[in-house]
Amino acid sequence: MKLPRNIANSRYVSTPLESWKLLMSDEMVQDLVNCTNINIASISDRFPRERDAKSTTEAELKAFIGLLYIYGVHKSSHVNITDLWATDGTGIEIFRTTMTPKRFIFLLRCIRFGDIRNR
């Protein structure tokens, strides 16, 4: 029986990162970065400071996706998103050490899986 590529390759996976790369290749991540940056550029004139609408990078987007996984694992869908950054012991430390809540919300609003110029 012939297995689809990802299923066949999953036999040789030994780390969580290798598993994730079967689902989302480096090329897919780069496309996601490019499409998100196109969207950011299209809305950047709405922000008074350039740093408030700066482009994202592959590393930042991977960190963002990681936070989304953690958000889901902790079943935080009914929690105010900024509460995840709380410093009173109720927040999740990795959120505070990865990015600011303002940046997280900005990326959540800007992430795009397709080029907005092709619509």
PDB file of N, CA and C in Angstrom:
ATOM      1  N   MET A   1       0.847  -1.176   0.000  1.00  0.00           N
ATOM      2  CA  MET A   1       0.000   0.000   0.000  1.00  0.00           C
ATOM      3  C   MET A   1       0.896   1.243   0.000  1.00  0.00           C
ATOM      4  N   LYS A   2       0.585   2.184  -0.863  1.00  0.00           N
ATOM      5  CA  LYS A   2       1.349   3.422  -0.943  1.00  0.00           C
ATOM      6  C   LYS A   2       0.737   4.454   0.009  1.00  0.00           C
ATOM      7  N   LEU A   3       1.595   5.017   0.854  1.00  0.00           N
ATOM      8  CA  LEU A   3       1.145   6.022   1.815  1.00  0.00           C
ATOM      9  C   LEU A   3       1.438   7.420   1.298  1.00  0.00           C
ATOM     10  N   PRO A   4       0.594   8.391   1.635  1.00  0.00           N
ATOM     11  CA  PRO A   4       0.916   9.776   1.279  1.00  0.00           C
ATOM     12  C   PRO A   4       2.268  10.156   1.867  1.00  0.00           C
ATOM     13  N   ARG A   5       2.934  11.097   1.229  1.00  0.00           N
ATOM     14  CA  ARG A   5       4.295  11.494   1.598  1.00  0.00           C
ATOM     15  C   ARG A   5       4.440  11.776   3.089  1.00  0.00           C
ATOM     16  N   ASN A   6       3.574  12.603   3.650  1.00  0.00           N
ATOM     17  CA  ASN A   6       3.726  12.991   5.049  1.00  0.00           C
ATOM     18  C   ASN A   6       3.534  11.816   5.994  1.00  0.00           C
ATOM     19  N   ILE A   7       2.614  10.916   5.670  1.00  0.00           N
ATOM     20  CA  ILE A   7       2.398   9.752   6.532  1.00  0.00           C
ATOM     21  C   ILE A   7       3.604   8.825   6.455  1.00  0.00           C
ATOM     22  N   ALA A   8       4.101   8.612   5.253  1.00  0.00           N
ATOM     23  CA  ALA A   8       5.267   7.748   5.090  1.00  0.00           C
ATOM     24  C   ALA A   8       6.478   8.330   5.812  1.00  0.00           C
ATOM     25  N   ASN A   9       6.686   9.627   5.700  1.00  0.00           N
ATOM     26  CA  ASN A   9       7.827  10.266   6.349  1.00  0.00           C
ATOM     27  C   ASN A   9       7.685  10.329   7.862  1.00  0.00           C
ATOM     28  N   SER A  10       6.473  10.244   8.360  1.00  0.00           N
ATOM     29  CA  SER A  10       6.269  10.349   9.803  1.00  0.00           C
ATOM     30  C   SER A  10       6.889   9.173  10.558  1.00  0.00           C
ATOM     31  N   ARG A  11       7.163   8.105   9.871  1.00  0.00           N
ATOM     32  CA  ARG A  11       7.821   6.956  10.511  1.00  0.00           C
ATOM     33  C   ARG A  11       9.211   7.311  11.021  1.00  0.00           C
ATOM     34  N   TYR A  12       9.843   8.295  10.394  1.00  0.00           N
ATOM     35  CA  TYR A  12      11.230   8.621  10.707  1.00  0.00           C
ATOM     36  C   TYR A  12      11.368   9.857  11.596  1.00  0.00           C
ATOM     37  N   VAL A  13      10.280  10.336  12.120  1.00  0.00           N
ATOM     38  CA  VAL A  13      10.287  11.540  12.947  1.00  0.00           C
ATOM     39  C   VAL A  13      10.714  11.184  14.361  1.00  0.00           C
ATOM     40  N   SER A  14      11.624  11.999  14.918  1.00  0.00           N
ATOM     41  CA  SER A  14      12.070  11.722  16.284  1.00  0.00           C
ATOM     42  C   SER A  14      11.895  12.914  17.225  1.00  0.00           C
ATOM     43  N   THR A  15      11.522  14.079  16.694  1.00  0.00           N
ATOM     44  CA  THR A  15      11.341  15.256  17.550  1.00  0.00           C
ATOM     45  C   THR A  15      10.026  15.951  17.202  1.00  0.00           C
ATOM     46  N   PRO A  16       9.496  16.734  18.140  1.00  0.00           N
ATOM     47  CA  PRO A  16       8.282  17.505  17.835  1.00  0.00           C
ATOM     48  C   PRO A  16       8.492  18.476  16.671  1.00  0.00           C
ATOM     49  N   LEU A  17       9.681  19.064  16.568  1.00  0.00           N
ATOM     50  CA  LEU A  17       9.956  20.001  15.476  1.00  0.00           C
ATOM     51  C   LEU A  17       9.892  19.296  14.123  1.00  0.00           C
ATOM     52  N   GLU A  18      10.443  18.102  14.041  1.00  0.00           N
ATOM     53  CA  GLU A  18      10.369  17.340  12.791  1.00  0.00           C
ATOM     54  C   GLU A  18       8.916  17.021  12.434  1.00  0.00           C
ATOM     55  N   SER A  19       8.108  16.716  13.428  1.00  0.00           N
ATOM     56  CA  SER A  19       6.679  16.459  13.190  1.00  0.00           C
ATOM     57  C   SER A  19       6.004  17.692  12.630  1.00  0.00           C
ATOM     58  N   TRP A  20       6.298  18.833  13.233  1.00  0.00           N
ATOM     59  CA  TRP A  20       5.680  20.084  12.800  1.00  0.00           C
ATOM     60  C   TRP A  20       6.098  20.434  11.374  1.00  0.00           C
ATOM     61  N   LYS A  21       7.361  20.153  11.033  1.00  0.00           N
ATOM     62  CA  LYS A  21       7.839  20.464   9.679  1.00  0.00           C
ATOM     63  C   LYS A  21       7.172  19.595   8.615  1.00  0.00           C
ATOM     64  N   LEU A  22       6.631  18.441   9.010  1.00  0.00           N
ATOM     65  CA  LEU A  22       5.857  17.646   8.058  1.00  0.00           C
ATOM     66  C   LEU A  22       4.539  18.335   7.725  1.00  0.00           C
ATOM     67  N   LEU A  23       4.010  19.078   8.686  1.00  0.00           N
ATOM     68  CA  LEU A  23       2.752  19.794   8.473  1.00  0.00           C
ATOM     69  C   LEU A  23       2.968  21.143   7.805  1.00  0.00           C
ATOM     70  N   MET A  24       4.051  21.815   8.166  1.00  0.00           N
ATOM     71  CA  MET A  24       4.292  23.163   7.661  1.00  0.00           C
ATOM     72  C   MET A  24       5.772  23.303   7.309  1.00  0.00           C
ATOM     73  N   SER A  25       6.071  23.254   6.029  1.00  0.00           N
ATOM     74  CA  SER A  25       7.459  23.321   5.571  1.00  0.00           C
ATOM     75  C   SER A  25       8.017  24.730   5.744  1.00  0.00           C
ATOM     76  N   ASP A  26       9.335  24.850   5.628  1.00  0.00           N
ATOM     77  CA  ASP A  26       9.976  26.165   5.717  1.00  0.00           C
ATOM     78  C   ASP A  26       9.470  27.099   4.620  1.00  0.00           C
ATOM     79  N   GLU A  27       9.187  26.540   3.441  1.00  0.00           N
ATOM     80  CA  GLU A  27       8.663  27.352   2.342  1.00  0.00           C
ATOM     81  C   GLU A  27       7.276  27.896   2.678  1.00  0.00           C
ATOM     82  N   MET A  28       6.453  27.077   3.318  1.00  0.00           N
ATOM     83  CA  MET A  28       5.118  27.530   3.716  1.00  0.00           C
ATOM     84  C   MET A  28       5.215  28.643   4.753  1.00  0.00           C
ATOM     85  N   VAL A  29       6.143  28.494   5.695  1.00  0.00           N
ATOM     86  CA  VAL A  29       6.331  29.536   6.713  1.00  0.00           C
ATOM     87  C   VAL A  29       6.785  30.828   6.045  1.00  0.00           C
ATOM     88  N   GLN A  30       7.707  30.726   5.087  1.00  0.00           N
ATOM     89  CA  GLN A  30       8.189  31.926   4.402  1.00  0.00           C
ATOM     90  C   GLN A  30       7.070  32.588   3.606  1.00  0.00           C
ATOM     91  N   ASP A  31       6.220  31.797   2.964  1.00  0.00           N
ATOM     92  CA  ASP A  31       5.056  32.359   2.262  1.00  0.00           C
ATOM     93  C   ASP A  31       4.128  33.066   3.241  1.00  0.00           C
ATOM     94  N   LEU A  32       3.935  32.476   4.395  1.00  0.00           N
ATOM     95  CA  LEU A  32       3.099  33.083   5.434  1.00  0.00           C
ATOM     96  C   LEU A  32       3.691  34.412   5.895  1.00  0.00           C
ATOM     97  N   VAL A  33       5.003  34.451   6.072  1.00  0.00           N
ATOM     98  CA  VAL A  33       5.689  35.698   6.447  1.00  0.00           C
ATOM     99  C   VAL A  33       5.493  36.745   5.357  1.00  0.00           C
ATOM    100  N   ASN A  34       5.707  36.357   4.107  1.00  0.00           N
ATOM    101  CA  ASN A  34       5.573  37.307   2.998  1.00  0.00           C
ATOM    102  C   ASN A  34       4.154  37.864   2.894  1.00  0.00           C
ATOM    103  N   CYS A  35       3.154  36.993   2.961  1.00  0.00           N
ATOM    104  CA  CYS A  35       1.758  37.444   2.850  1.00  0.00           C
ATOM    105  C   CYS A  35       1.361  38.315   4.034  1.00  0.00           C
ATOM    106  N   THR A  36       1.831  37.964   5.218  1.00  0.00           N
ATOM    107  CA  THR A  36       1.548  38.771   6.405  1.00  0.00           C
ATOM    108  C   THR A  36       2.212  40.135   6.283  1.00  0.00           C
ATOM    109  N   ASN A  37       3.442  40.170   5.802  1.00  0.00           N
ATOM    110  CA  ASN A  37       4.144  41.449   5.645  1.00  0.00           C
ATOM    111  C   ASN A  37       3.493  42.335   4.588  1.00  0.00           C
ATOM    112  N   ILE A  38       2.950  41.740   3.545  1.00  0.00           N
ATOM    113  CA  ILE A  38       2.213  42.517   2.540  1.00  0.00           C
ATOM    114  C   ILE A  38       0.998  43.164   3.199  1.00  0.00           C
ATOM    115  N   ASN A  39       0.302  42.400   4.030  1.00  0.00           N
ATOM    116  CA  ASN A  39      -0.859  42.945   4.735  1.00  0.00           C
ATOM    117  C   ASN A  39      -0.435  44.044   5.712  1.00  0.00           C
ATOM    118  N   ILE A  40       0.649  43.827   6.435  1.00  0.00           N
ATOM    119  CA  ILE A  40       1.145  44.844   7.370  1.00  0.00           C
ATOM    120  C   ILE A  40       1.485  46.125   6.620  1.00  0.00           C
ATOM    121  N   ALA A  41       2.154  45.992   5.478  1.00  0.00           N
ATOM    122  CA  ALA A  41       2.511  47.177   4.686  1.00  0.00           C
ATOM    123  C   ALA A  41       1.268  47.923   4.222  1.00  0.00           C
ATOM    124  N   SER A  42       0.201  47.190   3.928  1.00  0.00           N
ATOM    125  CA  SER A  42      -1.018  47.839   3.431  1.00  0.00           C
ATOM    126  C   SER A  42      -1.757  48.619   4.513  1.00  0.00           C
ATOM    127  N   ILE A  43      -1.523  48.288   5.781  1.00  0.00           N
ATOM    128  CA  ILE A  43      -2.213  49.000   6.864  1.00  0.00           C
ATOM    129  C   ILE A  43      -1.280  49.880   7.687  1.00  0.00           C
ATOM    130  N   SER A  44      -0.005  49.895   7.354  1.00  0.00           N
ATOM    131  CA  SER A  44       0.979  50.609   8.181  1.00  0.00           C
ATOM    132  C   SER A  44       0.729  52.111   8.267  1.00  0.00           C
ATOM    133  N   ASP A  45       0.076  52.691   7.270  1.00  0.00           N
ATOM    134  CA  ASP A  45      -0.176  54.136   7.310  1.00  0.00           C
ATOM    135  C   ASP A  45      -1.206  54.513   8.376  1.00  0.00           C
ATOM    136  N   ARG A  46      -1.896  53.535   8.945  1.00  0.00           N
ATOM    137  CA  ARG A  46      -2.867  53.795  10.016  1.00  0.00           C
ATOM    138  C   ARG A  46      -2.202  53.971  11.383  1.00  0.00           C
ATOM    139  N   PHE A  47      -0.922  53.668  11.458  1.00  0.00           N
ATOM    140  CA  PHE A  47      -0.210  53.712  12.728  1.00  0.00           C
ATOM    141  C   PHE A  47       0.705  54.930  12.772  1.00  0.00           C
ATOM    142  N   PRO A  48       0.645  55.694  13.866  1.00  0.00           N
ATOM    143  CA  PRO A  48       1.449  56.914  13.941  1.00  0.00           C
ATOM    144  C   PRO A  48       2.951  56.642  14.037  1.00  0.00           C
ATOM    145  N   ARG A  49       3.325  55.521  14.654  1.00  0.00           N
ATOM    146  CA  ARG A  49       4.748  55.191  14.790  1.00  0.00           C
ATOM    147  C   ARG A  49       5.080  53.974  13.934  1.00  0.00           C
ATOM    148  N   GLU A  50       6.194  54.047  13.247  1.00  0.00           N
ATOM    149  CA  GLU A  50       6.607  52.966  12.358  1.00  0.00           C
ATOM    150  C   GLU A  50       6.776  51.645  13.114  1.00  0.00           C
ATOM    151  N   ARG A  51       7.270  51.717  14.341  1.00  0.00           N
ATOM    152  CA  ARG A  51       7.523  50.493  15.112  1.00  0.00           C
ATOM    153  C   ARG A  51       6.237  49.761  15.506  1.00  0.00           C
ATOM    154  N   ASP A  52       5.110  50.455  15.488  1.00  0.00           N
ATOM    155  CA  ASP A  52       3.839  49.820  15.839  1.00  0.00           C
ATOM    156  C   ASP A  52       3.322  48.902  14.739  1.00  0.00           C
ATOM    157  N   ALA A  53       3.850  49.059  13.538  1.00  0.00           N
ATOM    158  CA  ALA A  53       3.413  48.226  12.410  1.00  0.00           C
ATOM    159  C   ALA A  53       4.621  47.677  11.661  1.00  0.00           C
ATOM    160  N   LYS A  54       5.610  47.215  12.420  1.00  0.00           N
ATOM    161  CA  LYS A  54       6.805  46.701  11.753  1.00  0.00           C
ATOM    162  C   LYS A  54       6.554  45.308  11.191  1.00  0.00           C
ATOM    163  N   SER A  55       7.280  44.989  10.149  1.00  0.00           N
ATOM    164  CA  SER A  55       7.150  43.684   9.492  1.00  0.00           C
ATOM    165  C   SER A  55       7.553  42.570  10.443  1.00  0.00           C
ATOM    166  N   THR A  56       7.078  41.376  10.146  1.00  0.00           N
ATOM    167  CA  THR A  56       7.421  40.218  10.962  1.00  0.00           C
ATOM    168  C   THR A  56       8.552  39.437  10.302  1.00  0.00           C
ATOM    169  N   THR A  57       9.078  38.490  11.032  1.00  0.00           N
ATOM    170  CA  THR A  57      10.146  37.622  10.533  1.00  0.00           C
ATOM    171  C   THR A  57       9.711  36.172  10.689  1.00  0.00           C
ATOM    172  N   GLU A  58      10.474  35.295  10.087  1.00  0.00           N
ATOM    173  CA  GLU A  58      10.169  33.870  10.202  1.00  0.00           C
ATOM    174  C   GLU A  58      10.243  33.423  11.663  1.00  0.00           C
ATOM    175  N   ALA A  59      11.265  33.871  12.375  1.00  0.00           N
ATOM    176  CA  ALA A  59      11.418  33.486  13.786  1.00  0.00           C
ATOM    177  C   ALA A  59      10.251  34.000  14.628  1.00  0.00           C
ATOM    178  N   GLU A  60       9.849  35.250  14.399  1.00  0.00           N
ATOM    179  CA  GLU A  60       8.745  35.808  15.172  1.00  0.00           C
ATOM    180  C   GLU A  60       7.439  35.081  14.859  1.00  0.00           C
ATOM    181  N   LEU A  61       7.219  34.750  13.607  1.00  0.00           N
ATOM    182  CA  LEU A  61       5.983  34.069  13.233  1.00  0.00           C
ATOM    183  C   LEU A  61       5.936  32.650  13.808  1.00  0.00           C
ATOM    184  N   LYS A  62       7.072  31.970  13.839  1.00  0.00           N
ATOM    185  CA  LYS A  62       7.114  30.651  14.467  1.00  0.00           C
ATOM    186  C   LYS A  62       6.829  30.765  15.963  1.00  0.00           C
ATOM    187  N   ALA A  63       7.363  31.797  16.603  1.00  0.00           N
ATOM    188  CA  ALA A  63       7.084  32.027  18.027  1.00  0.00           C
ATOM    189  C   ALA A  63       5.600  32.304  18.234  1.00  0.00           C
ATOM    190  N   PHE A  64       5.017  33.100  17.350  1.00  0.00           N
ATOM    191  CA  PHE A  64       3.589  33.416  17.412  1.00  0.00           C
ATOM    192  C   PHE A  64       2.744  32.144  17.292  1.00  0.00           C
ATOM    193  N   ILE A  65       3.079  31.295  16.322  1.00  0.00           N
ATOM    194  CA  ILE A  65       2.347  30.039  16.134  1.00  0.00           C
ATOM    195  C   ILE A  65       2.510  29.148  17.363  1.00  0.00           C
ATOM    196  N   GLY A  66       3.705  29.140  17.939  1.00  0.00           N
ATOM    197  CA  GLY A  66       3.929  28.381  19.166  1.00  0.00           C
ATOM    198  C   GLY A  66       3.040  28.860  20.299  1.00  0.00           C
ATOM    199  N   LEU A  67       2.886  30.177  20.418  1.00  0.00           N
ATOM    200  CA  LEU A  67       2.001  30.724  21.450  1.00  0.00           C
ATOM    201  C   LEU A  67       0.548  30.333  21.187  1.00  0.00           C
ATOM    202  N   LEU A  68       0.164  30.271  19.918  1.00  0.00           N
ATOM    203  CA  LEU A  68      -1.196  29.827  19.592  1.00  0.00           C
ATOM    204  C   LEU A  68      -1.417  28.380  20.034  1.00  0.00           C
ATOM    205  N   TYR A  69      -0.406  27.531  19.837  1.00  0.00           N
ATOM    206  CA  TYR A  69      -0.504  26.151  20.307  1.00  0.00           C
ATOM    207  C   TYR A  69      -0.684  26.118  21.823  1.00  0.00           C
ATOM    208  N   ILE A  70       0.145  26.871  22.536  1.00  0.00           N
ATOM    209  CA  ILE A  70       0.068  26.901  24.001  1.00  0.00           C
ATOM    210  C   ILE A  70      -1.281  27.443  24.451  1.00  0.00           C
ATOM    211  N   TYR A  71      -1.759  28.457  23.760  1.00  0.00           N
ATOM    212  CA  TYR A  71      -3.078  29.036  24.036  1.00  0.00           C
ATOM    213  C   TYR A  71      -4.150  27.949  23.955  1.00  0.00           C
ATOM    214  N   GLY A  72      -4.063  27.113  22.932  1.00  0.00           N
ATOM    215  CA  GLY A  72      -5.025  26.031  22.759  1.00  0.00           C
ATOM    216  C   GLY A  72      -4.852  24.912  23.772  1.00  0.00           C
ATOM    217  N   VAL A  73      -3.616  24.551  24.064  1.00  0.00           N
ATOM    218  CA  VAL A  73      -3.343  23.484  25.023  1.00  0.00           C
ATOM    219  C   VAL A  73      -3.884  23.844  26.403  1.00  0.00           C
ATOM    220  N   HIS A  74      -3.765  25.109  26.768  1.00  0.00           N
ATOM    221  CA  HIS A  74      -4.257  25.566  28.072  1.00  0.00           C
ATOM    222  C   HIS A  74      -5.754  25.860  28.060  1.00  0.00           C
ATOM    223  N   LYS A  75      -6.391  25.601  26.921  1.00  0.00           N
ATOM    224  CA  LYS A  75      -7.840  25.839  26.786  1.00  0.00           C
ATOM    225  C   LYS A  75      -8.199  27.243  27.253  1.00  0.00           C
ATOM    226  N   SER A  76      -7.470  28.196  26.709  1.00  0.00           N
ATOM    227  CA  SER A  76      -7.610  29.588  27.132  1.00  0.00           C
ATOM    228  C   SER A  76      -8.598  30.378  26.294  1.00  0.00           C
ATOM    229  N   SER A  77      -9.443  29.718  25.531  1.00  0.00           N
ATOM    230  CA  SER A  77     -10.325  30.437  24.612  1.00  0.00           C
ATOM    231  C   SER A  77     -11.331  31.340  25.316  1.00  0.00           C
ATOM    232  N   HIS A  78     -11.618  31.074  26.581  1.00  0.00           N
ATOM    233  CA  HIS A  78     -12.572  31.911  27.312  1.00  0.00           C
ATOM    234  C   HIS A  78     -11.870  32.915  28.227  1.00  0.00           C
ATOM    235  N   VAL A  79     -10.570  33.049  28.056  1.00  0.00           N
ATOM    236  CA  VAL A  79      -9.773  33.959  28.873  1.00  0.00           C
ATOM    237  C   VAL A  79      -9.500  35.213  28.060  1.00  0.00           C
ATOM    238  N   ASN A  80      -9.571  36.362  28.706  1.00  0.00           N
ATOM    239  CA  ASN A  80      -9.167  37.599  28.044  1.00  0.00           C
ATOM    240  C   ASN A  80      -7.712  37.431  27.630  1.00  0.00           C
ATOM    241  N   ILE A  81      -7.427  37.663  26.379  1.00  0.00           N
ATOM    242  CA  ILE A  81      -6.106  37.357  25.835  1.00  0.00           C
ATOM    243  C   ILE A  81      -4.977  38.060  26.591  1.00  0.00           C
ATOM    244  N   THR A  82      -5.200  39.267  27.057  1.00  0.00           N
ATOM    245  CA  THR A  82      -4.134  39.978  27.780  1.00  0.00           C
ATOM    246  C   THR A  82      -3.886  39.371  29.160  1.00  0.00           C
ATOM    247  N   ASP A  83      -4.836  38.604  29.692  1.00  0.00           N
ATOM    248  CA  ASP A  83      -4.631  37.941  30.985  1.00  0.00           C
ATOM    249  C   ASP A  83      -3.540  36.876  30.913  1.00  0.00           C
ATOM    250  N   LEU A  84      -3.232  36.392  29.725  1.00  0.00           N
ATOM    251  CA  LEU A  84      -2.169  35.399  29.571  1.00  0.00           C
ATOM    252  C   LEU A  84      -0.805  35.988  29.896  1.00  0.00           C
ATOM    253  N   TRP A  85      -0.689  37.311  29.876  1.00  0.00           N
ATOM    254  CA  TRP A  85       0.559  38.009  30.189  1.00  0.00           C
ATOM    255  C   TRP A  85       0.592  38.503  31.644  1.00  0.00           C
ATOM    256  N   ALA A  86      -0.404  38.163  32.441  1.00  0.00           N
ATOM    257  CA  ALA A  86      -0.496  38.648  33.824  1.00  0.00           C
ATOM    258  C   ALA A  86       0.744  38.237  34.621  1.00  0.00           C
ATOM    259  N   THR A  87       1.170  39.108  35.504  1.00  0.00           N
ATOM    260  CA  THR A  87       2.351  38.847  36.332  1.00  0.00           C
ATOM    261  C   THR A  87       1.982  38.472  37.761  1.00  0.00           C
ATOM    262  N   ASP A  88       0.705  38.283  38.027  1.00  0.00           N
ATOM    263  CA  ASP A  88       0.254  37.968  39.389  1.00  0.00           C
ATOM    264  C   ASP A  88       0.178  36.467  39.663  1.00  0.00           C
ATOM    265  N   GLY A  89       0.773  35.659  38.803  1.00  0.00           N
ATOM    266  CA  GLY A  89       0.755  34.213  38.985  1.00  0.00           C
ATOM    267  C   GLY A  89      -0.325  33.509  38.190  1.00  0.00           C
ATOM    268  N   THR A  90      -1.238  34.254  37.591  1.00  0.00           N
ATOM    269  CA  THR A  90      -2.306  33.632  36.800  1.00  0.00           C
ATOM    270  C   THR A  90      -1.967  33.572  35.313  1.00  0.00           C
ATOM    271  N   GLY A  91      -0.952  34.321  34.891  1.00  0.00           N
ATOM    272  CA  GLY A  91      -0.552  34.325  33.487  1.00  0.00           C
ATOM    273  C   GLY A  91       0.357  33.143  33.169  1.00  0.00           C
ATOM    274  N   ILE A  92       0.731  33.031  31.924  1.00  0.00           N
ATOM    275  CA  ILE A  92       1.626  31.963  31.481  1.00  0.00           C
ATOM    276  C   ILE A  92       2.952  32.623  31.110  1.00  0.00           C
ATOM    277  N   GLU A  93       4.009  32.254  31.814  1.00  0.00           N
ATOM    278  CA  GLU A  93       5.288  32.957  31.695  1.00  0.00           C
ATOM    279  C   GLU A  93       5.830  32.999  30.271  1.00  0.00           C
ATOM    280  N   ILE A  94       5.667  31.938  29.521  1.00  0.00           N
ATOM    281  CA  ILE A  94       6.231  31.914  28.169  1.00  0.00           C
ATOM    282  C   ILE A  94       5.636  33.007  27.282  1.00  0.00           C
ATOM    283  N   PHE A  95       4.412  33.416  27.548  1.00  0.00           N
ATOM    284  CA  PHE A  95       3.820  34.506  26.781  1.00  0.00           C
ATOM    285  C   PHE A  95       4.589  35.798  27.036  1.00  0.00           C
ATOM    286  N   ARG A  96       4.893  36.079  28.315  1.00  0.00           N
ATOM    287  CA  ARG A  96       5.613  37.310  28.669  1.00  0.00           C
ATOM    288  C   ARG A  96       7.025  37.321  28.107  1.00  0.00           C
ATOM    289  N   THR A  97       7.660  36.153  28.039  1.00  0.00           N
ATOM    290  CA  THR A  97       9.045  36.099  27.581  1.00  0.00           C
ATOM    291  C   THR A  97       9.174  36.031  26.063  1.00  0.00           C
ATOM    292  N   THR A  98       8.075  35.803  25.370  1.00  0.00           N
ATOM    293  CA  THR A  98       8.130  35.663  23.911  1.00  0.00           C
ATOM    294  C   THR A  98       7.839  36.965  23.179  1.00  0.00           C
ATOM    295  N   MET A  99       6.743  37.633  23.525  1.00  0.00           N
ATOM    296  CA  MET A  99       6.395  38.906  22.882  1.00  0.00           C
ATOM    297  C   MET A  99       5.378  39.637  23.741  1.00  0.00           C
ATOM    298  N   THR A 100       5.178  40.899  23.437  1.00  0.00           N
ATOM    299  CA  THR A 100       4.210  41.691  24.197  1.00  0.00           C
ATOM    300  C   THR A 100       2.793  41.329  23.754  1.00  0.00           C
ATOM    301  N   PRO A 101       1.814  41.557  24.626  1.00  0.00           N
ATOM    302  CA  PRO A 101       0.434  41.278  24.205  1.00  0.00           C
ATOM    303  C   PRO A 101       0.006  42.149  23.026  1.00  0.00           C
ATOM    304  N   LYS A 102       0.524  43.371  22.975  1.00  0.00           N
ATOM    305  CA  LYS A 102       0.186  44.278  21.869  1.00  0.00           C
ATOM    306  C   LYS A 102       0.673  43.704  20.534  1.00  0.00           C
ATOM    307  N   ARG A 103       1.891  43.167  20.524  1.00  0.00           N
ATOM    308  CA  ARG A 103       2.435  42.584  19.301  1.00  0.00           C
ATOM    309  C   ARG A 103       1.671  41.311  18.920  1.00  0.00           C
ATOM    310  N   PHE A 104       1.334  40.489  19.905  1.00  0.00           N
ATOM    311  CA  PHE A 104       0.582  39.262  19.652  1.00  0.00           C
ATOM    312  C   PHE A 104      -0.756  39.579  18.998  1.00  0.00           C
ATOM    313  N   ILE A 105      -1.471  40.528  19.547  1.00  0.00           N
ATOM    314  CA  ILE A 105      -2.782  40.909  18.999  1.00  0.00           C
ATOM    315  C   ILE A 105      -2.625  41.499  17.603  1.00  0.00           C
ATOM    316  N   PHE A 106      -1.569  42.301  17.406  1.00  0.00           N
ATOM    317  CA  PHE A 106      -1.302  42.869  16.082  1.00  0.00           C
ATOM    318  C   PHE A 106      -1.094  41.749  15.058  1.00  0.00           C
ATOM    319  N   LEU A 107      -0.255  40.769  15.391  1.00  0.00           N
ATOM    320  CA  LEU A 107      -0.009  39.660  14.461  1.00  0.00           C
ATOM    321  C   LEU A 107      -1.271  38.829  14.241  1.00  0.00           C
ATOM    322  N   LEU A 108      -2.057  38.651  15.285  1.00  0.00           N
ATOM    323  CA  LEU A 108      -3.312  37.911  15.159  1.00  0.00           C
ATOM    324  C   LEU A 108      -4.241  38.586  14.151  1.00  0.00           C
ATOM    325  N   ARG A 109      -4.241  39.892  14.137  1.00  0.00           N
ATOM    326  CA  ARG A 109      -5.083  40.638  13.197  1.00  0.00           C
ATOM    327  C   ARG A 109      -4.494  40.678  11.789  1.00  0.00           C
ATOM    328  N   CYS A 110      -3.179  40.587  11.687  1.00  0.00           N
ATOM    329  CA  CYS A 110      -2.514  40.779  10.391  1.00  0.00           C
ATOM    330  C   CYS A 110      -2.152  39.497   9.659  1.00  0.00           C
ATOM    331  N   ILE A 111      -2.121  38.375  10.332  1.00  0.00           N
ATOM    332  CA  ILE A 111      -1.654  37.146   9.685  1.00  0.00           C
ATOM    333  C   ILE A 111      -2.533  36.823   8.471  1.00  0.00           C
ATOM    334  N   ARG A 112      -1.881  36.491   7.375  1.00  0.00           N
ATOM    335  CA  ARG A 112      -2.573  36.172   6.126  1.00  0.00           C
ATOM    336  C   ARG A 112      -1.924  34.956   5.484  1.00  0.00           C
ATOM    337  N   PHE A 113      -2.772  34.071   4.977  1.00  0.00           N
ATOM    338  CA  PHE A 113      -2.298  32.859   4.323  1.00  0.00           C
ATOM    339  C   PHE A 113      -2.312  32.990   2.808  1.00  0.00           C
ATOM    340  N   GLY A 114      -2.701  34.147   2.318  1.00  0.00           N
ATOM    341  CA  GLY A 114      -2.716  34.403   0.887  1.00  0.00           C
ATOM    342  C   GLY A 114      -2.390  35.858   0.619  1.00  0.00           C
ATOM    343  N   ASP A 115      -1.923  36.134  -0.574  1.00  0.00           N
ATOM    344  CA  ASP A 115      -1.546  37.491  -0.971  1.00  0.00           C
ATOM    345  C   ASP A 115      -2.806  38.324  -1.186  1.00  0.00           C
ATOM    346  N   ILE A 116      -2.969  39.383  -0.406  1.00  0.00           N
ATOM    347  CA  ILE A 116      -4.172  40.221  -0.508  1.00  0.00           C
ATOM    348  C   ILE A 116      -4.233  40.962  -1.838  1.00  0.00           C
ATOM    349  N   ARG A 117      -3.110  41.052  -2.540  1.00  0.00           N
ATOM    350  CA  ARG A 117      -3.095  41.746  -3.833  1.00  0.00           C
ATOM    351  C   ARG A 117      -3.741  40.912  -4.936  1.00  0.00           C
ATOM    352  N   ASN A 118      -3.963  39.626  -4.687  1.00  0.00           N
ATOM    353  CA  ASN A 118      -4.534  38.730  -5.698  1.00  0.00           C
ATOM    354  C   ASN A 118      -6.028  38.510  -5.530  1.00  0.00           C
ATOM    355  N   ARG A 119      -6.690  39.368  -4.804  1.00  0.00           N
ATOM    356  CA  ARG A 119      -8.139  39.197  -4.577  1.00  0.00           C
ATOM    357  C   ARG A 119      -8.925  39.994  -5.562  1.00  0.00           C
TER     358      ARG A 119
END
